[in-house]
């Protein structure tokens, strides 16, 4: 049974829909390759996800003694976080809601067999 190395990022200031575009690119890839891919993606969510995977790799090396070359991204997903609701008043007394969406990103690394 392979051990799961987890890292979680809470309240990322990007919607889950936009974070999933970045997350889908690295799923199933070796950890080092995933970091390289994320380094060259212009999306806003790419930098925090890059940092999250680096953190998971550091957890694997420090806590489980696993080499970073043997790791791959087993699972990675972005879930919705609580939405911050703002209000703006529009013309003719109307109400314009503004939804500031956030997301939680979770990564699970595993050692290659």
PDB file of N, CA and C in Angstrom:
ATOM      1  N   UNK A   1       0.843  -1.198   0.000  1.00  0.00           N
ATOM      2  CA  UNK A   1       0.000   0.000   0.000  1.00  0.00           C
ATOM      3  C   UNK A   1       0.875   1.243   0.000  1.00  0.00           C
ATOM      4  N   UNK A   2       0.692   2.079  -0.980  1.00  0.00           N
ATOM      5  CA  UNK A   2       1.481   3.312  -1.076  1.00  0.00           C
ATOM      6  C   UNK A   2       0.926   4.356  -0.113  1.00  0.00           C
ATOM      7  N   UNK A   3       1.846   5.117   0.499  1.00  0.00           N
ATOM      8  CA  UNK A   3       1.393   6.167   1.411  1.00  0.00           C
ATOM      9  C   UNK A   3       1.061   7.423   0.617  1.00  0.00           C
ATOM     10  N   UNK A   4       0.011   8.089   1.054  1.00  0.00           N
ATOM     11  CA  UNK A   4      -0.400   9.334   0.420  1.00  0.00           C
ATOM     12  C   UNK A   4       0.254  10.502   1.129  1.00  0.00           C
ATOM     13  N   UNK A   5       0.886  11.373   0.361  1.00  0.00           N
ATOM     14  CA  UNK A   5       1.465  12.594   0.893  1.00  0.00           C
ATOM     15  C   UNK A   5       0.543  13.729   0.487  1.00  0.00           C
ATOM     16  N   UNK A   6      -0.052  14.396   1.495  1.00  0.00           N
ATOM     17  CA  UNK A   6      -1.066  15.410   1.218  1.00  0.00           C
ATOM     18  C   UNK A   6      -0.550  16.816   1.518  1.00  0.00           C
ATOM     19  N   UNK A   7      -1.143  17.770   0.802  1.00  0.00           N
ATOM     20  CA  UNK A   7      -0.967  19.183   1.125  1.00  0.00           C
ATOM     21  C   UNK A   7      -2.244  19.874   0.684  1.00  0.00           C
ATOM     22  N   UNK A   8      -2.669  20.860   1.475  1.00  0.00           N
ATOM     23  CA  UNK A   8      -3.923  21.538   1.176  1.00  0.00           C
ATOM     24  C   UNK A   8      -3.729  23.046   1.182  1.00  0.00           C
ATOM     25  N   UNK A   9      -4.362  23.693   0.223  1.00  0.00           N
ATOM     26  CA  UNK A   9      -4.343  25.154   0.123  1.00  0.00           C
ATOM     27  C   UNK A   9      -5.770  25.632   0.306  1.00  0.00           C
ATOM     28  N   UNK A  10      -6.001  26.427   1.346  1.00  0.00           N
ATOM     29  CA  UNK A  10      -7.348  26.913   1.631  1.00  0.00           C
ATOM     30  C   UNK A  10      -7.507  28.355   1.185  1.00  0.00           C
ATOM     31  N   UNK A  11      -8.699  28.682   0.738  1.00  0.00           N
ATOM     32  CA  UNK A  11      -9.084  30.053   0.386  1.00  0.00           C
ATOM     33  C   UNK A  11      -8.175  30.700  -0.661  1.00  0.00           C
ATOM     34  N   UNK A  12      -7.968  29.999  -1.750  1.00  0.00           N
ATOM     35  CA  UNK A  12      -7.246  30.575  -2.885  1.00  0.00           C
ATOM     36  C   UNK A  12      -8.152  31.619  -3.536  1.00  0.00           C
ATOM     37  N   UNK A  13      -7.613  32.805  -3.825  1.00  0.00           N
ATOM     38  CA  UNK A  13      -8.425  33.917  -4.337  1.00  0.00           C
ATOM     39  C   UNK A  13      -8.762  33.786  -5.814  1.00  0.00           C
ATOM     40  N   UNK A  14      -9.035  32.572  -6.248  1.00  0.00           N
ATOM     41  CA  UNK A  14      -9.439  32.298  -7.621  1.00  0.00           C
ATOM     42  C   UNK A  14     -10.624  31.344  -7.558  1.00  0.00           C
ATOM     43  N   UNK A  15     -11.551  31.464  -8.487  1.00  0.00           N
ATOM     44  CA  UNK A  15     -12.700  30.563  -8.474  1.00  0.00           C
ATOM     45  C   UNK A  15     -12.234  29.131  -8.747  1.00  0.00           C
ATOM     46  N   UNK A  16     -13.010  28.177  -8.259  1.00  0.00           N
ATOM     47  CA  UNK A  16     -12.665  26.768  -8.437  1.00  0.00           C
ATOM     48  C   UNK A  16     -12.627  26.407  -9.914  1.00  0.00           C
ATOM     49  N   UNK A  17     -13.503  27.026 -10.701  1.00  0.00           N
ATOM     50  CA  UNK A  17     -13.551  26.762 -12.136  1.00  0.00           C
ATOM     51  C   UNK A  17     -12.221  27.135 -12.804  1.00  0.00           C
ATOM     52  N   UNK A  18     -11.664  28.281 -12.452  1.00  0.00           N
ATOM     53  CA  UNK A  18     -10.389  28.719 -13.040  1.00  0.00           C
ATOM     54  C   UNK A  18      -9.213  27.925 -12.483  1.00  0.00           C
ATOM     55  N   UNK A  19      -9.292  27.550 -11.204  1.00  0.00           N
ATOM     56  CA  UNK A  19      -8.224  26.753 -10.599  1.00  0.00           C
ATOM     57  C   UNK A  19      -8.173  25.366 -11.239  1.00  0.00           C
ATOM     58  N   UNK A  20      -9.337  24.815 -11.614  1.00  0.00           N
ATOM     59  CA  UNK A  20      -9.375  23.482 -12.235  1.00  0.00           C
ATOM     60  C   UNK A  20      -8.665  23.453 -13.581  1.00  0.00           C
ATOM     61  N   UNK A  21      -8.673  24.569 -14.305  1.00  0.00           N
ATOM     62  CA  UNK A  21      -7.971  24.630 -15.588  1.00  0.00           C
ATOM     63  C   UNK A  21      -6.475  24.375 -15.397  1.00  0.00           C
ATOM     64  N   UNK A  22      -5.919  24.905 -14.310  1.00  0.00           N
ATOM     65  CA  UNK A  22      -4.495  24.730 -14.004  1.00  0.00           C
ATOM     66  C   UNK A  22      -4.240  23.343 -13.432  1.00  0.00           C
ATOM     67  N   UNK A  23      -5.094  22.935 -12.519  1.00  0.00           N
ATOM     68  CA  UNK A  23      -4.941  21.663 -11.811  1.00  0.00           C
ATOM     69  C   UNK A  23      -4.996  20.469 -12.765  1.00  0.00           C
ATOM     70  N   UNK A  24      -5.861  20.558 -13.783  1.00  0.00           N
ATOM     71  CA  UNK A  24      -6.019  19.448 -14.734  1.00  0.00           C
ATOM     72  C   UNK A  24      -4.762  19.194 -15.568  1.00  0.00           C
ATOM     73  N   UNK A  25      -3.918  20.214 -15.712  1.00  0.00           N
ATOM     74  CA  UNK A  25      -2.705  20.067 -16.527  1.00  0.00           C
ATOM     75  C   UNK A  25      -1.654  19.181 -15.868  1.00  0.00           C
ATOM     76  N   UNK A  26      -1.640  19.120 -14.529  1.00  0.00           N
ATOM     77  CA  UNK A  26      -0.567  18.406 -13.833  1.00  0.00           C
ATOM     78  C   UNK A  26      -0.993  17.071 -13.230  1.00  0.00           C
ATOM     79  N   UNK A  27      -2.263  16.733 -13.302  1.00  0.00           N
ATOM     80  CA  UNK A  27      -2.738  15.479 -12.711  1.00  0.00           C
ATOM     81  C   UNK A  27      -2.092  14.286 -13.408  1.00  0.00           C
ATOM     82  N   UNK A  28      -1.519  13.366 -12.599  1.00  0.00           N
ATOM     83  CA  UNK A  28      -0.909  12.149 -13.137  1.00  0.00           C
ATOM     84  C   UNK A  28       0.538  12.308 -13.583  1.00  0.00           C
ATOM     85  N   UNK A  29       1.059  13.520 -13.548  1.00  0.00           N
ATOM     86  CA  UNK A  29       2.439  13.774 -13.997  1.00  0.00           C
ATOM     87  C   UNK A  29       3.428  13.557 -12.841  1.00  0.00           C
ATOM     88  N   UNK A  30       4.687  13.276 -13.164  1.00  0.00           N
ATOM     89  CA  UNK A  30       5.717  13.251 -12.114  1.00  0.00           C
ATOM     90  C   UNK A  30       5.815  14.629 -11.449  1.00  0.00           C
ATOM     91  N   UNK A  31       6.133  14.655 -10.166  1.00  0.00           N
ATOM     92  CA  UNK A  31       6.104  15.897  -9.387  1.00  0.00           C
ATOM     93  C   UNK A  31       7.037  16.968  -9.961  1.00  0.00           C
ATOM     94  N   UNK A  32       8.244  16.578 -10.348  1.00  0.00           N
ATOM     95  CA  UNK A  32       9.211  17.543 -10.908  1.00  0.00           C
ATOM     96  C   UNK A  32       8.705  18.131 -12.226  1.00  0.00           C
ATOM     97  N   UNK A  33       8.104  17.285 -13.054  1.00  0.00           N
ATOM     98  CA  UNK A  33       7.553  17.738 -14.336  1.00  0.00           C
ATOM     99  C   UNK A  33       6.378  18.687 -14.110  1.00  0.00           C
ATOM    100  N   UNK A  34       5.565  18.382 -13.090  1.00  0.00           N
ATOM    101  CA  UNK A  34       4.425  19.240 -12.756  1.00  0.00           C
ATOM    102  C   UNK A  34       4.894  20.639 -12.363  1.00  0.00           C
ATOM    103  N   UNK A  35       5.974  20.719 -11.587  1.00  0.00           N
ATOM    104  CA  UNK A  35       6.523  22.022 -11.188  1.00  0.00           C
ATOM    105  C   UNK A  35       7.004  22.810 -12.400  1.00  0.00           C
ATOM    106  N   UNK A  36       7.644  22.117 -13.338  1.00  0.00           N
ATOM    107  CA  UNK A  36       8.138  22.764 -14.551  1.00  0.00           C
ATOM    108  C   UNK A  36       6.982  23.292 -15.398  1.00  0.00           C
ATOM    109  N   UNK A  37       5.926  22.508 -15.526  1.00  0.00           N
ATOM    110  CA  UNK A  37       4.751  22.934 -16.294  1.00  0.00           C
ATOM    111  C   UNK A  37       4.137  24.186 -15.670  1.00  0.00           C
ATOM    112  N   UNK A  38       3.963  24.154 -14.350  1.00  0.00           N
ATOM    113  CA  UNK A  38       3.317  25.277 -13.652  1.00  0.00           C
ATOM    114  C   UNK A  38       4.138  26.565 -13.711  1.00  0.00           C
ATOM    115  N   UNK A  39       5.452  26.414 -13.820  1.00  0.00           N
ATOM    116  CA  UNK A  39       6.319  27.598 -13.869  1.00  0.00           C
ATOM    117  C   UNK A  39       6.051  28.449 -15.110  1.00  0.00           C
ATOM    118  N   UNK A  40       5.597  27.821 -16.189  1.00  0.00           N
ATOM    119  CA  UNK A  40       5.425  28.526 -17.458  1.00  0.00           C
ATOM    120  C   UNK A  40       3.969  28.784 -17.836  1.00  0.00           C
ATOM    121  N   UNK A  41       3.059  28.608 -16.896  1.00  0.00           N
ATOM    122  CA  UNK A  41       1.646  28.884 -17.153  1.00  0.00           C
ATOM    123  C   UNK A  41       1.325  30.294 -16.691  1.00  0.00           C
ATOM    124  N   UNK A  42       0.704  31.128 -17.534  1.00  0.00           N
ATOM    125  CA  UNK A  42       0.444  32.522 -17.156  1.00  0.00           C
ATOM    126  C   UNK A  42      -0.759  32.727 -16.232  1.00  0.00           C
ATOM    127  N   UNK A  43      -1.563  31.682 -15.961  1.00  0.00           N
ATOM    128  CA  UNK A  43      -2.760  31.839 -15.129  1.00  0.00           C
ATOM    129  C   UNK A  43      -2.410  32.287 -13.708  1.00  0.00           C
ATOM    130  N   UNK A  44      -3.335  33.026 -13.104  1.00  0.00           N
ATOM    131  CA  UNK A  44      -3.149  33.530 -11.742  1.00  0.00           C
ATOM    132  C   UNK A  44      -3.027  32.393 -10.734  1.00  0.00           C
ATOM    133  N   UNK A  45      -3.739  31.300 -10.960  1.00  0.00           N
ATOM    134  CA  UNK A  45      -3.770  30.181 -10.018  1.00  0.00           C
ATOM    135  C   UNK A  45      -2.508  29.321 -10.084  1.00  0.00           C
ATOM    136  N   UNK A  46      -1.700  29.473 -11.130  1.00  0.00           N
ATOM    137  CA  UNK A  46      -0.545  28.595 -11.325  1.00  0.00           C
ATOM    138  C   UNK A  46       0.503  28.753 -10.217  1.00  0.00           C
ATOM    139  N   UNK A  47       0.752  29.985  -9.783  1.00  0.00           N
ATOM    140  CA  UNK A  47       1.796  30.224  -8.772  1.00  0.00           C
ATOM    141  C   UNK A  47       1.453  29.588  -7.426  1.00  0.00           C
ATOM    142  N   UNK A  48       0.226  29.801  -6.880  1.00  0.00           N
ATOM    143  CA  UNK A  48      -0.103  29.133  -5.616  1.00  0.00           C
ATOM    144  C   UNK A  48      -0.121  27.603  -5.715  1.00  0.00           C
ATOM    145  N   UNK A  49      -0.551  27.056  -6.854  1.00  0.00           N
ATOM    146  CA  UNK A  49      -0.569  25.599  -7.026  1.00  0.00           C
ATOM    147  C   UNK A  49       0.863  25.066  -7.100  1.00  0.00           C
ATOM    148  N   UNK A  50       1.751  25.814  -7.751  1.00  0.00           N
ATOM    149  CA  UNK A  50       3.184  25.471  -7.811  1.00  0.00           C
ATOM    150  C   UNK A  50       3.753  25.390  -6.396  1.00  0.00           C
ATOM    151  N   UNK A  51       3.421  26.396  -5.588  1.00  0.00           N
ATOM    152  CA  UNK A  51       3.896  26.459  -4.212  1.00  0.00           C
ATOM    153  C   UNK A  51       3.344  25.292  -3.385  1.00  0.00           C
ATOM    154  N   UNK A  52       2.087  24.931  -3.631  1.00  0.00           N
ATOM    155  CA  UNK A  52       1.435  23.824  -2.931  1.00  0.00           C
ATOM    156  C   UNK A  52       2.133  22.500  -3.232  1.00  0.00           C
ATOM    157  N   UNK A  53       2.448  22.259  -4.497  1.00  0.00           N
ATOM    158  CA  UNK A  53       3.121  21.010  -4.883  1.00  0.00           C
ATOM    159  C   UNK A  53       4.536  20.974  -4.302  1.00  0.00           C
ATOM    160  N   UNK A  54       5.207  22.128  -4.282  1.00  0.00           N
ATOM    161  CA  UNK A  54       6.536  22.191  -3.649  1.00  0.00           C
ATOM    162  C   UNK A  54       6.442  21.819  -2.173  1.00  0.00           C
ATOM    163  N   UNK A  55       5.401  22.316  -1.520  1.00  0.00           N
ATOM    164  CA  UNK A  55       5.179  22.019  -0.101  1.00  0.00           C
ATOM    165  C   UNK A  55       4.938  20.524   0.115  1.00  0.00           C
ATOM    166  N   UNK A  56       4.141  19.919  -0.771  1.00  0.00           N
ATOM    167  CA  UNK A  56       3.863  18.483  -0.667  1.00  0.00           C
ATOM    168  C   UNK A  56       5.140  17.661  -0.872  1.00  0.00           C
ATOM    169  N   UNK A  57       5.989  18.096  -1.802  1.00  0.00           N
ATOM    170  CA  UNK A  57       7.269  17.409  -2.042  1.00  0.00           C
ATOM    171  C   UNK A  57       8.157  17.506  -0.801  1.00  0.00           C
ATOM    172  N   UNK A  58       8.195  18.704  -0.192  1.00  0.00           N
ATOM    173  CA  UNK A  58       8.986  18.903   1.026  1.00  0.00           C
ATOM    174  C   UNK A  58       8.460  18.023   2.163  1.00  0.00           C
ATOM    175  N   UNK A  59       7.125  17.896   2.267  1.00  0.00           N
ATOM    176  CA  UNK A  59       6.532  17.014   3.274  1.00  0.00           C
ATOM    177  C   UNK A  59       6.973  15.568   3.058  1.00  0.00           C
ATOM    178  N   UNK A  60       6.996  15.144   1.805  1.00  0.00           N
ATOM    179  CA  UNK A  60       7.382  13.767   1.475  1.00  0.00           C
ATOM    180  C   UNK A  60       8.837  13.498   1.855  1.00  0.00           C
ATOM    181  N   UNK A  61       9.703  14.440   1.529  1.00  0.00           N
ATOM    182  CA  UNK A  61      11.131  14.260   1.828  1.00  0.00           C
ATOM    183  C   UNK A  61      11.399  14.286   3.328  1.00  0.00           C
ATOM    184  N   UNK A  62      10.764  15.231   4.019  1.00  0.00           N
ATOM    185  CA  UNK A  62      11.037  15.434   5.445  1.00  0.00           C
ATOM    186  C   UNK A  62      10.357  14.378   6.323  1.00  0.00           C
ATOM    187  N   UNK A  63       9.086  14.123   6.074  1.00  0.00           N
ATOM    188  CA  UNK A  63       8.313  13.257   6.972  1.00  0.00           C
ATOM    189  C   UNK A  63       8.342  11.780   6.593  1.00  0.00           C
ATOM    190  N   UNK A  64       8.479  11.486   5.294  1.00  0.00           N
ATOM    191  CA  UNK A  64       8.404  10.087   4.852  1.00  0.00           C
ATOM    192  C   UNK A  64       9.718   9.573   4.264  1.00  0.00           C
ATOM    193  N   UNK A  65      10.696  10.456   4.054  1.00  0.00           N
ATOM    194  CA  UNK A  65      11.987  10.050   3.507  1.00  0.00           C
ATOM    195  C   UNK A  65      11.924   9.563   2.073  1.00  0.00           C
ATOM    196  N   UNK A  66      10.999  10.102   1.295  1.00  0.00           N
ATOM    197  CA  UNK A  66      10.823   9.701  -0.097  1.00  0.00           C
ATOM    198  C   UNK A  66      11.586  10.682  -0.990  1.00  0.00           C
ATOM    199  N   UNK A  67      12.275  10.162  -1.999  1.00  0.00           N
ATOM    200  CA  UNK A  67      13.004  11.022  -2.934  1.00  0.00           C
ATOM    201  C   UNK A  67      12.027  11.754  -3.841  1.00  0.00           C
ATOM    202  N   UNK A  68      12.341  13.022  -4.156  1.00  0.00           N
ATOM    203  CA  UNK A  68      11.438  13.830  -5.001  1.00  0.00           C
ATOM    204  C   UNK A  68      11.341  13.294  -6.426  1.00  0.00           C
ATOM    205  N   UNK A  69      12.331  12.518  -6.870  1.00  0.00           N
ATOM    206  CA  UNK A  69      12.312  11.950  -8.222  1.00  0.00           C
ATOM    207  C   UNK A  69      11.325  10.782  -8.344  1.00  0.00           C
ATOM    208  N   UNK A  70      10.960  10.176  -7.200  1.00  0.00           N
ATOM    209  CA  UNK A  70      10.055   9.025  -7.204  1.00  0.00           C
ATOM    210  C   UNK A  70       8.586   9.407  -7.035  1.00  0.00           C
ATOM    211  N   UNK A  71       8.285  10.697  -6.913  1.00  0.00           N
ATOM    212  CA  UNK A  71       6.922  11.132  -6.632  1.00  0.00           C
ATOM    213  C   UNK A  71       6.164  11.508  -7.899  1.00  0.00           C
ATOM    214  N   UNK A  72       4.857  11.255  -7.869  1.00  0.00           N
ATOM    215  CA  UNK A  72       3.992  11.747  -8.940  1.00  0.00           C
ATOM    216  C   UNK A  72       2.690  12.269  -8.338  1.00  0.00           C
ATOM    217  N   UNK A  73       1.988  13.103  -9.094  1.00  0.00           N
ATOM    218  CA  UNK A  73       0.744  13.710  -8.627  1.00  0.00           C
ATOM    219  C   UNK A  73      -0.367  12.675  -8.816  1.00  0.00           C
ATOM    220  N   UNK A  74      -0.720  11.994  -7.730  1.00  0.00           N
ATOM    221  CA  UNK A  74      -1.744  10.949  -7.785  1.00  0.00           C
ATOM    222  C   UNK A  74      -3.126  11.567  -7.963  1.00  0.00           C
ATOM    223  N   UNK A  75      -3.462  12.518  -7.091  1.00  0.00           N
ATOM    224  CA  UNK A  75      -4.746  13.222  -7.181  1.00  0.00           C
ATOM    225  C   UNK A  75      -4.497  14.701  -6.918  1.00  0.00           C
ATOM    226  N   UNK A  76      -5.247  15.540  -7.604  1.00  0.00           N
ATOM    227  CA  UNK A  76      -5.234  16.971  -7.316  1.00  0.00           C
ATOM    228  C   UNK A  76      -6.595  17.509  -7.734  1.00  0.00           C
ATOM    229  N   UNK A  77      -7.213  18.268  -6.841  1.00  0.00           N
ATOM    230  CA  UNK A  77      -8.545  18.788  -7.149  1.00  0.00           C
ATOM    231  C   UNK A  77      -8.772  20.141  -6.489  1.00  0.00           C
ATOM    232  N   UNK A  78      -9.679  20.906  -7.085  1.00  0.00           N
ATOM    233  CA  UNK A  78     -10.045  22.227  -6.581  1.00  0.00           C
ATOM    234  C   UNK A  78     -11.537  22.225  -6.254  1.00  0.00           C
ATOM    235  N   UNK A  79     -11.858  22.523  -5.009  1.00  0.00           N
ATOM    236  CA  UNK A  79     -13.247  22.592  -4.557  1.00  0.00           C
ATOM    237  C   UNK A  79     -13.620  24.040  -4.278  1.00  0.00           C
ATOM    238  N   UNK A  80     -14.925  24.303  -4.279  1.00  0.00           N
ATOM    239  CA  UNK A  80     -15.391  25.650  -3.968  1.00  0.00           C
ATOM    240  C   UNK A  80     -15.217  25.948  -2.484  1.00  0.00           C
ATOM    241  N   UNK A  81     -14.835  27.189  -2.193  1.00  0.00           N
ATOM    242  CA  UNK A  81     -14.740  27.677  -0.822  1.00  0.00           C
ATOM    243  C   UNK A  81     -15.892  28.663  -0.616  1.00  0.00           C
ATOM    244  N   UNK A  82     -16.106  29.129   0.613  1.00  0.00           N
ATOM    245  CA  UNK A  82     -17.178  30.101   0.823  1.00  0.00           C
ATOM    246  C   UNK A  82     -16.991  31.351  -0.045  1.00  0.00           C
ATOM    247  N   UNK A  83     -18.077  31.815  -0.631  1.00  0.00           N
ATOM    248  CA  UNK A  83     -18.055  32.977  -1.513  1.00  0.00           C
ATOM    249  C   UNK A  83     -18.280  34.243  -0.699  1.00  0.00           C
ATOM    250  N   UNK A  84     -17.461  35.253  -0.962  1.00  0.00           N
ATOM    251  CA  UNK A  84     -17.645  36.553  -0.299  1.00  0.00           C
ATOM    252  C   UNK A  84     -18.623  37.371  -1.129  1.00  0.00           C
ATOM    253  N   UNK A  85     -19.702  37.797  -0.508  1.00  0.00           N
ATOM    254  CA  UNK A  85     -20.736  38.525  -1.239  1.00  0.00           C
ATOM    255  C   UNK A  85     -20.636  40.020  -0.951  1.00  0.00           C
ATOM    256  N   UNK A  86     -20.509  40.801  -2.026  1.00  0.00           N
ATOM    257  CA  UNK A  86     -20.484  42.252  -1.914  1.00  0.00           C
ATOM    258  C   UNK A  86     -21.727  42.802  -2.556  1.00  0.00           C
ATOM    259  N   UNK A  87     -22.062  44.061  -2.217  1.00  0.00           N
ATOM    260  CA  UNK A  87     -23.215  44.676  -2.892  1.00  0.00           C
ATOM    261  C   UNK A  87     -22.791  45.994  -3.517  1.00  0.00           C
ATOM    262  N   UNK A  88     -23.369  46.258  -4.652  1.00  0.00           N
ATOM    263  CA  UNK A  88     -23.164  47.530  -5.318  1.00  0.00           C
ATOM    264  C   UNK A  88     -24.541  48.012  -5.757  1.00  0.00           C
ATOM    265  N   UNK A  89     -24.781  49.283  -5.598  1.00  0.00           N
ATOM    266  CA  UNK A  89     -26.086  49.824  -5.955  1.00  0.00           C
ATOM    267  C   UNK A  89     -26.015  50.402  -7.354  1.00  0.00           C
ATOM    268  N   UNK A  90     -26.926  49.956  -8.190  1.00  0.00           N
ATOM    269  CA  UNK A  90     -26.931  50.349  -9.589  1.00  0.00           C
ATOM    270  C   UNK A  90     -27.899  51.486  -9.848  1.00  0.00           C
ATOM    271  N   UNK A  91     -28.119  51.744 -11.093  1.00  0.00           N
ATOM    272  CA  UNK A  91     -29.011  52.815 -11.514  1.00  0.00           C
ATOM    273  C   UNK A  91     -30.451  52.521 -11.115  1.00  0.00           C
ATOM    274  N   UNK A  92     -31.244  53.551 -10.906  1.00  0.00           N
ATOM    275  CA  UNK A  92     -32.674  53.462 -10.597  1.00  0.00           C
ATOM    276  C   UNK A  92     -32.938  52.615  -9.349  1.00  0.00           C
ATOM    277  N   UNK A  93     -32.043  52.733  -8.367  1.00  0.00           N
ATOM    278  CA  UNK A  93     -32.249  52.059  -7.087  1.00  0.00           C
ATOM    279  C   UNK A  93     -32.100  50.559  -7.118  1.00  0.00           C
ATOM    280  N   UNK A  94     -31.466  50.044  -8.149  1.00  0.00           N
ATOM    281  CA  UNK A  94     -31.309  48.584  -8.254  1.00  0.00           C
ATOM    282  C   UNK A  94     -30.084  48.119  -7.479  1.00  0.00           C
ATOM    283  N   UNK A  95     -30.073  46.830  -7.225  1.00  0.00           N
ATOM    284  CA  UNK A  95     -29.047  46.200  -6.404  1.00  0.00           C
ATOM    285  C   UNK A  95     -28.212  45.271  -7.289  1.00  0.00           C
ATOM    286  N   UNK A  96     -26.901  45.454  -7.298  1.00  0.00           N
ATOM    287  CA  UNK A  96     -26.004  44.636  -8.131  1.00  0.00           C
ATOM    288  C   UNK A  96     -25.083  43.812  -7.221  1.00  0.00           C
ATOM    289  N   UNK A  97     -25.339  42.510  -7.053  1.00  0.00           N
ATOM    290  CA  UNK A  97     -24.457  41.705  -6.200  1.00  0.00           C
ATOM    291  C   UNK A  97     -23.128  41.393  -6.899  1.00  0.00           C
ATOM    292  N   UNK A  98     -22.057  41.363  -6.111  1.00  0.00           N
ATOM    293  CA  UNK A  98     -20.743  40.961  -6.613  1.00  0.00           C
ATOM    294  C   UNK A  98     -20.321  39.737  -5.808  1.00  0.00           C
ATOM    295  N   UNK A  99     -20.003  38.656  -6.485  1.00  0.00           N
ATOM    296  CA  UNK A  99     -19.595  37.418  -5.829  1.00  0.00           C
ATOM    297  C   UNK A  99     -18.095  37.230  -5.997  1.00  0.00           C
ATOM    298  N   UNK A 100     -17.367  37.245  -4.886  1.00  0.00           N
ATOM    299  CA  UNK A 100     -15.930  37.000  -4.926  1.00  0.00           C
ATOM    300  C   UNK A 100     -15.727  35.526  -4.579  1.00  0.00           C
ATOM    301  N   UNK A 101     -15.529  34.722  -5.599  1.00  0.00           N
ATOM    302  CA  UNK A 101     -15.423  33.284  -5.381  1.00  0.00           C
ATOM    303  C   UNK A 101     -14.009  32.885  -4.978  1.00  0.00           C
ATOM    304  N   UNK A 102     -13.908  31.847  -4.150  1.00  0.00           N
ATOM    305  CA  UNK A 102     -12.630  31.312  -3.697  1.00  0.00           C
ATOM    306  C   UNK A 102     -12.636  29.798  -3.876  1.00  0.00           C
ATOM    307  N   UNK A 103     -11.476  29.187  -3.669  1.00  0.00           N
ATOM    308  CA  UNK A 103     -11.414  27.732  -3.816  1.00  0.00           C
ATOM    309  C   UNK A 103     -10.400  27.128  -2.848  1.00  0.00           C
ATOM    310  N   UNK A 104     -10.580  25.841  -2.584  1.00  0.00           N
ATOM    311  CA  UNK A 104      -9.640  25.043  -1.798  1.00  0.00           C
ATOM    312  C   UNK A 104      -8.995  24.047  -2.767  1.00  0.00           C
ATOM    313  N   UNK A 105      -7.665  23.983  -2.773  1.00  0.00           N
ATOM    314  CA  UNK A 105      -6.958  23.040  -3.644  1.00  0.00           C
ATOM    315  C   UNK A 105      -6.267  22.000  -2.768  1.00  0.00           C
ATOM    316  N   UNK A 106      -6.419  20.735  -3.119  1.00  0.00           N
ATOM    317  CA  UNK A 106      -5.794  19.640  -2.385  1.00  0.00           C
ATOM    318  C   UNK A 106      -4.970  18.809  -3.363  1.00  0.00           C
ATOM    319  N   UNK A 107      -3.745  18.470  -2.943  1.00  0.00           N
ATOM    320  CA  UNK A 107      -2.881  17.616  -3.777  1.00  0.00           C
ATOM    321  C   UNK A 107      -2.481  16.386  -2.966  1.00  0.00           C
ATOM    322  N   UNK A 108      -2.481  15.224  -3.637  1.00  0.00           N
ATOM    323  CA  UNK A 108      -2.035  13.975  -3.019  1.00  0.00           C
ATOM    324  C   UNK A 108      -0.950  13.385  -3.915  1.00  0.00           C
ATOM    325  N   UNK A 109       0.244  13.271  -3.349  1.00  0.00           N
ATOM    326  CA  UNK A 109       1.375  12.689  -4.084  1.00  0.00           C
ATOM    327  C   UNK A 109       1.554  11.234  -3.647  1.00  0.00           C
ATOM    328  N   UNK A 110       2.051  10.417  -4.553  1.00  0.00           N
ATOM    329  CA  UNK A 110       2.383   9.032  -4.236  1.00  0.00           C
ATOM    330  C   UNK A 110       3.731   8.675  -4.813  1.00  0.00           C
ATOM    331  N   UNK A 111       4.321   7.644  -4.235  1.00  0.00           N
ATOM    332  CA  UNK A 111       5.599   7.141  -4.735  1.00  0.00           C
ATOM    333  C   UNK A 111       5.343   6.200  -5.909  1.00  0.00           C
ATOM    334  N   UNK A 112       6.147   6.353  -6.965  1.00  0.00           N
ATOM    335  CA  UNK A 112       5.988   5.463  -8.130  1.00  0.00           C
ATOM    336  C   UNK A 112       6.432   4.057  -7.767  1.00  0.00           C
ATOM    337  N   UNK A 113       5.718   3.062  -8.295  1.00  0.00           N
ATOM    338  CA  UNK A 113       6.064   1.662  -8.009  1.00  0.00           C
ATOM    339  C   UNK A 113       7.266   1.260  -8.845  1.00  0.00           C
TER     340      UNK A 113
END
